[in-house]
Amino acid sequence: MADKKLECVKVEKENGITWVLLDRPEKRNAMSPQLHFEMDETLKALETDPETRVVVIGGTGGYFSAGQDLKTFFRDNENDPAAFKAAAEAANRWRWERLYKYDKPTIAMVEGYCVGGAFMQLLGADFAIAAEDAVFSLSEINWGILPGALVSKAVADTILPRQALYYACLGEPFDGIEAARIGIINFAVPAASLRAETVKLAEKLMAKSPAVLRATKHAVRQVRGMDFGQAYDYLAAKGNEIKVIDKQDSYRTGLSQFLDDKSYKPTFEPFKAKDE
């Protein structure tokens, strides 16, 4: 990634936070095949980048994304099935397969438009914050098509069925305040505070044990599709995994600080890691 010039993606690093921004502002960050290829490679590289502790997905020019670029993604590939397949695979891979199980915490930062296919990365990210005046729209029905890729599934899994049906079947836009009310995002803030609030959330995440945070977010996502017996087994295995991979020995460190040092209040704050 460092050796390759990015044409449709902008990467900024600051104090452990890496901002990965869709960068086609002249198209309201509508997603082209080139953008998908660049996002896929960028996220792949950042997952093992030691400087990156939290990834924020956003867009330049005041826009999250207006969805797929209908010309470059669809029309230009109508007679080239191989090119369309490659673009579709990259699009689905970074927006869902990578983000949904990403090793590091991810935040979607939404301003301007979040339309159609952009719901994939919105809901693929672990957390989402939006400007109160952001515009969300599942407008595919107005084009005579279904919400693309896994959008229908992701929306149905995230919000109540009647809300999912209402916005998917009517195609009506809604703002950040409504997005928070129905559970599409965690919370909405004034546009002027959006970046600062995103940084605040990222800093809270970076204060946690990386190993335990990774296991917890994976567990919460995975158990949604399990019955209770499967969840018991999975969570027990996940708990044992933490003991093996957690370099901070979070459980014993926190327990000692709480019982012995009396310096730790787990209801309100993370423990102090050994390397701090």
Protein backbone atom coordinates (compact mmCIF):
# COMPACT_ATOMS: atom_id res chain seq x y z
CA MET A 1 0.00 0.00 0.00
CA ALA A 2 2.81 2.42 0.92
CA ASP A 3 4.50 1.85 -2.46
CA LYS A 4 1.36 2.36 -4.52
CA LYS A 5 -0.24 5.67 -5.33
CA LEU A 6 -3.93 5.66 -4.44
CA GLU A 7 -6.26 7.43 -6.84
CA CYS A 8 -9.63 6.92 -5.12
CA VAL A 9 -8.71 6.45 -1.46
CA LYS A 10 -7.04 8.79 1.00
CA VAL A 11 -5.24 7.46 4.10
CA GLU A 12 -4.41 9.63 7.11
CA LYS A 13 -2.73 8.43 10.31
CA GLU A 14 -2.92 10.22 13.64
CA ASN A 15 -2.18 8.92 17.15
CA GLY A 16 -3.16 5.33 16.49
CA ILE A 17 -6.22 6.22 14.39
CA THR A 18 -6.08 5.58 10.66
CA TRP A 19 -8.66 7.43 8.59
CA VAL A 20 -9.48 5.56 5.37
CA LEU A 21 -11.45 7.96 3.21
CA LEU A 22 -13.25 7.29 -0.05
CA ASP A 23 -11.82 9.99 -2.28
CA ARG A 24 -14.04 10.75 -5.27
CA PRO A 25 -15.70 13.91 -3.92
CA GLU A 26 -16.65 15.10 -7.41
CA LYS A 27 -18.91 12.00 -7.55
CA ARG A 28 -20.01 12.28 -3.89
CA ASN A 29 -17.70 9.30 -3.33
CA ALA A 30 -19.76 6.97 -5.50
CA MET A 31 -17.85 3.70 -5.63
CA SER A 32 -16.04 2.70 -8.81
CA PRO A 33 -14.20 -0.58 -9.47
CA GLN A 34 -10.89 1.21 -8.92
CA LEU A 35 -12.07 2.48 -5.55
CA HIS A 36 -13.08 -1.04 -4.50
CA PHE A 37 -9.70 -2.50 -5.49
CA GLU A 38 -7.87 0.24 -3.57
CA MET A 39 -10.06 -0.09 -0.47
CA ASP A 40 -9.58 -3.86 -0.44
CA GLU A 41 -5.79 -3.59 -0.59
CA THR A 42 -5.67 -0.73 1.89
CA LEU A 43 -7.71 -2.50 4.56
CA LYS A 44 -5.70 -5.70 4.04
CA ALA A 45 -2.47 -3.81 4.73
CA LEU A 46 -3.78 -1.85 7.72
CA GLU A 47 -5.00 -4.96 9.55
CA THR A 48 -1.37 -5.81 10.39
CA ASP A 49 0.00 -2.24 10.43
CA PRO A 50 1.58 -1.57 13.87
CA GLU A 51 0.75 2.14 13.68
CA THR A 52 -2.97 1.46 13.24
CA ARG A 53 -5.06 0.66 16.31
CA VAL A 54 -8.46 1.86 15.10
CA VAL A 55 -9.68 2.28 11.51
CA VAL A 56 -12.21 4.97 10.63
CA ILE A 57 -14.08 4.61 7.33
CA GLY A 58 -15.30 7.91 5.90
CA GLY A 59 -15.21 10.07 2.82
CA THR A 60 -13.70 13.30 1.55
CA GLY A 61 -15.53 16.44 0.50
CA GLY A 62 -18.25 16.14 3.13
CA TYR A 63 -19.72 12.87 1.76
CA PHE A 64 -19.69 9.30 3.06
CA SER A 65 -20.77 7.68 -0.22
CA ALA A 66 -23.57 8.01 -2.76
CA GLY A 67 -23.44 4.25 -3.36
CA GLN A 68 -22.17 2.42 -6.44
CA ASP A 69 -21.11 4.46 -9.44
CA LEU A 70 -23.76 3.28 -11.90
CA LYS A 71 -21.64 4.09 -14.96
CA THR A 72 -18.21 2.75 -14.04
CA PHE A 73 -19.40 -0.19 -11.94
CA PHE A 74 -22.39 -1.37 -13.98
CA ARG A 75 -22.67 0.11 -17.48
CA ASP A 76 -18.96 0.06 -18.33
CA ASN A 77 -18.81 -3.63 -17.42
CA GLU A 78 -22.01 -4.80 -19.13
CA ASN A 79 -20.06 -6.57 -21.88
CA ASP A 80 -17.10 -7.62 -19.75
CA PRO A 81 -18.24 -10.31 -17.29
CA ALA A 82 -14.69 -10.97 -16.07
CA ALA A 83 -14.15 -7.30 -15.15
CA PHE A 84 -17.56 -7.10 -13.48
CA LYS A 85 -16.88 -10.25 -11.45
CA ALA A 86 -13.52 -8.93 -10.27
CA ALA A 87 -15.03 -5.58 -9.25
CA ALA A 88 -17.97 -7.21 -7.47
CA GLU A 89 -15.68 -9.57 -5.56
CA ALA A 90 -13.47 -6.70 -4.38
CA ALA A 91 -16.53 -4.62 -3.48
CA ASN A 92 -18.06 -7.35 -1.35
CA ARG A 93 -14.76 -8.40 0.17
CA TRP A 94 -13.71 -5.06 1.66
CA ARG A 95 -17.20 -3.86 2.58
CA TRP A 96 -18.21 -7.04 4.37
CA GLU A 97 -15.83 -9.98 4.53
CA ARG A 98 -12.92 -7.82 5.73
CA LEU A 99 -14.81 -5.28 7.83
CA TYR A 100 -17.20 -7.71 9.51
CA LYS A 101 -14.38 -9.82 10.98
CA TYR A 102 -11.64 -7.19 11.04
CA ASP A 103 -9.03 -7.74 13.75
CA LYS A 104 -9.02 -4.07 14.74
CA PRO A 105 -12.00 -1.96 15.79
CA THR A 106 -13.62 -0.02 12.96
CA ILE A 107 -15.83 3.07 12.98
CA ALA A 108 -17.96 4.40 10.12
CA MET A 109 -18.02 8.21 10.20
CA VAL A 110 -20.98 9.41 8.14
CA GLU A 111 -21.59 12.88 6.75
CA GLY A 112 -23.38 14.05 3.65
CA TYR A 113 -24.87 11.12 1.76
CA CYS A 114 -24.97 7.43 2.67
CA VAL A 115 -26.93 5.78 -0.12
CA GLY A 116 -27.65 2.24 -1.32
CA GLY A 117 -24.49 0.15 -1.52
CA ALA A 118 -22.76 2.37 1.03
CA PHE A 119 -24.88 0.68 3.70
CA MET A 120 -22.55 -2.33 3.31
CA GLN A 121 -19.50 -0.57 4.80
CA LEU A 122 -21.74 1.37 7.19
CA LEU A 123 -23.06 -1.85 8.73
CA GLY A 124 -19.88 -3.84 8.19
CA ALA A 125 -18.01 -1.48 10.52
CA ASP A 126 -18.21 -2.21 14.24
CA PHE A 127 -19.48 1.24 15.22
CA ALA A 128 -21.05 4.17 13.38
CA ILE A 129 -21.37 7.87 14.12
CA ALA A 130 -23.17 10.30 11.83
CA ALA A 131 -23.81 13.99 11.51
CA GLU A 132 -27.36 14.87 12.47
CA ASP A 133 -27.97 16.26 8.98
CA ALA A 134 -26.50 13.27 7.11
CA VAL A 135 -28.83 11.81 4.49
CA PHE A 136 -29.43 8.05 4.45
CA SER A 137 -31.37 6.36 1.67
CA LEU A 138 -32.14 2.83 0.55
CA SER A 139 -33.30 4.12 -2.80
CA GLU A 140 -32.88 0.97 -4.90
CA ILE A 141 -36.62 0.37 -5.16
CA ASN A 142 -36.88 3.67 -7.04
CA TRP A 143 -34.48 2.22 -9.65
CA GLY A 144 -36.43 -1.02 -9.96
CA ILE A 145 -33.83 -3.16 -8.19
CA LEU A 146 -33.22 -4.76 -4.79
CA PRO A 147 -30.79 -3.25 -2.26
CA GLY A 148 -27.52 -4.57 -3.64
CA ALA A 149 -25.23 -7.34 -2.41
CA LEU A 150 -25.84 -7.99 1.31
CA VAL A 151 -27.54 -4.67 2.08
CA SER A 152 -30.99 -6.23 2.57
CA LYS A 153 -29.58 -8.86 4.93
CA ALA A 154 -27.42 -6.41 6.87
CA VAL A 155 -30.28 -3.94 7.34
CA ALA A 156 -32.72 -6.69 8.34
CA ASP A 157 -30.24 -7.98 10.95
CA THR A 158 -29.58 -4.51 12.37
CA ILE A 159 -32.98 -2.89 12.86
CA LEU A 160 -36.54 -3.95 13.63
CA PRO A 161 -38.35 -5.70 10.75
CA ARG A 162 -40.98 -3.00 10.25
CA GLN A 163 -38.33 -0.27 10.06
CA ALA A 164 -36.33 -2.34 7.57
CA LEU A 165 -39.42 -2.90 5.44
CA TYR A 166 -40.47 0.73 5.62
CA TYR A 167 -37.22 2.26 4.41
CA ALA A 168 -36.37 -0.51 1.90
CA CYS A 169 -39.86 -0.58 0.36
CA LEU A 170 -40.48 3.16 0.25
CA GLY A 171 -36.98 4.37 -0.53
CA GLU A 172 -37.55 7.47 1.59
CA PRO A 173 -34.47 9.32 2.88
CA PHE A 174 -33.87 9.85 6.60
CA ASP A 175 -31.39 11.87 8.63
CA GLY A 176 -28.77 11.00 11.23
CA ILE A 177 -31.16 11.50 14.12
CA GLU A 178 -33.57 8.93 12.67
CA ALA A 179 -30.67 6.62 11.86
CA ALA A 180 -29.72 6.62 15.55
CA ARG A 181 -33.33 6.12 16.62
CA ILE A 182 -33.78 2.99 14.53
CA GLY A 183 -30.32 1.60 15.33
CA ILE A 184 -28.54 2.01 12.00
CA ILE A 185 -25.82 4.02 13.82
CA ASN A 186 -24.73 4.35 17.46
CA PHE A 187 -25.44 8.06 17.74
CA ALA A 188 -25.76 11.31 15.80
CA VAL A 189 -23.95 14.55 16.57
CA PRO A 190 -23.85 18.06 15.11
CA ALA A 191 -21.81 18.07 11.91
CA ALA A 192 -19.20 20.39 13.42
CA SER A 193 -18.51 17.84 16.19
CA LEU A 194 -18.41 14.73 14.02
CA ARG A 195 -14.64 14.26 13.75
CA ALA A 196 -14.02 15.14 17.41
CA GLU A 197 -16.67 12.67 18.59
CA THR A 198 -15.22 9.99 16.33
CA VAL A 199 -11.78 10.58 17.84
CA LYS A 200 -13.29 10.40 21.32
CA LEU A 201 -14.83 6.99 20.59
CA ALA A 202 -11.58 5.74 19.01
CA GLU A 203 -9.61 6.80 22.09
CA LYS A 204 -12.00 4.89 24.35
CA LEU A 205 -11.52 1.79 22.19
CA MET A 206 -7.74 2.15 22.21
CA ALA A 207 -7.78 2.17 26.03
CA LYS A 208 -9.10 -1.40 26.06
CA SER A 209 -7.03 -4.57 25.83
CA PRO A 210 -6.62 -5.16 22.06
CA ALA A 211 -6.89 -8.94 22.41
CA VAL A 212 -10.01 -8.84 24.57
CA LEU A 213 -11.64 -6.14 22.44
CA ARG A 214 -11.01 -8.14 19.27
CA ALA A 215 -12.42 -11.32 20.80
CA THR A 216 -15.45 -9.49 22.21
CA LYS A 217 -16.46 -7.81 18.97
CA HIS A 218 -16.00 -11.05 17.05
CA ALA A 219 -18.06 -12.93 19.64
CA VAL A 220 -20.96 -10.48 19.63
CA ARG A 221 -21.16 -10.62 15.84
CA GLN A 222 -20.83 -14.40 15.53
CA VAL A 223 -23.32 -15.49 18.20
CA ARG A 224 -26.16 -13.69 16.45
CA GLY A 225 -26.56 -16.63 14.11
CA MET A 226 -26.12 -19.36 16.74
CA ASP A 227 -28.47 -21.19 19.05
CA PHE A 228 -27.71 -21.22 22.78
CA GLY A 229 -25.80 -24.51 22.72
CA GLN A 230 -23.58 -23.35 19.88
CA ALA A 231 -23.03 -20.01 21.58
CA TYR A 232 -21.96 -21.68 24.84
CA ASP A 233 -19.32 -23.73 23.03
CA TYR A 234 -18.12 -20.85 20.85
CA LEU A 235 -17.81 -18.38 23.73
CA ALA A 236 -15.98 -20.90 25.91
CA ALA A 237 -13.47 -21.46 23.10
CA LYS A 238 -13.15 -17.71 22.57
CA GLY A 239 -12.46 -17.20 26.28
CA ASN A 240 -9.69 -19.80 26.19
CA GLU A 241 -8.26 -18.17 23.08
CA ILE A 242 -7.85 -14.86 24.93
CA LYS A 243 -5.72 -16.53 27.61
CA VAL A 244 -3.33 -17.73 24.92
CA ILE A 245 -3.00 -14.61 22.77
CA ASP A 246 -3.46 -11.78 25.28
CA LYS A 247 0.03 -10.33 25.82
CA GLN A 248 -1.30 -7.97 28.50
CA ASP A 249 -2.72 -10.84 30.58
CA SER A 250 -5.79 -8.61 30.94
CA TYR A 251 -7.80 -10.79 33.32
CA ARG A 252 -5.09 -11.27 35.94
CA THR A 253 -3.82 -7.71 35.55
CA GLY A 254 -7.28 -6.23 36.07
CA LEU A 255 -8.06 -8.60 38.92
CA SER A 256 -4.86 -7.67 40.75
CA GLN A 257 -5.46 -3.95 40.29
CA PHE A 258 -9.03 -4.34 41.56
CA LEU A 259 -8.42 -6.68 44.53
CA ASP A 260 -4.84 -5.93 45.56
CA ASP A 261 -3.97 -2.39 44.47
CA LYS A 262 -7.51 -1.01 44.79
CA SER A 263 -6.65 1.15 41.78
CA TYR A 264 -9.15 -0.24 39.27
CA LYS A 265 -12.88 0.45 38.92
CA PRO A 266 -13.99 -1.80 36.05
CA THR A 267 -17.49 -0.37 35.86
CA PHE A 268 -16.08 2.99 34.82
CA GLU A 269 -12.67 2.53 33.18
CA PRO A 270 -10.25 -0.01 31.68
CA PHE A 271 -7.40 -1.44 33.72
CA LYS A 272 -3.90 -0.05 33.34
CA ALA A 273 -1.95 -2.30 30.98
CA LYS A 274 1.41 -3.65 32.04
CA ASP A 275 3.29 -1.83 29.30
CA GLU A 276 1.91 1.61 30.21
